[in-house]
Amino acid sequence: VEDGVDLIGYTPWGCIDLVSAGTGEMKKRYGMIYVDKDNEGKGTLERIRKASFYWYRDLIANNGENI
């Protein structure tokens, strides 16, 4: 944006951490919400909002003015 790029939208990869389609692992975490689960399937499955969750929420609320 600062360099003059026309930006019409921002799309996150995924909202929550997800299982890697290529490897079936949880160690690669792409989501804005952390899921308490490890590669062996152990964990509480609790969902915890990451800093990126709040950043994206504010981005939407301000219609992209805070980029």
Foldseek 3Di string as FASTA:
>chain_A
DVVPDDDDDDDFPDAFQDQDPVPRFRPDGRHQWYAQAGRVGDGPRDTHGHPVNVVVVVCVVVVNPVD
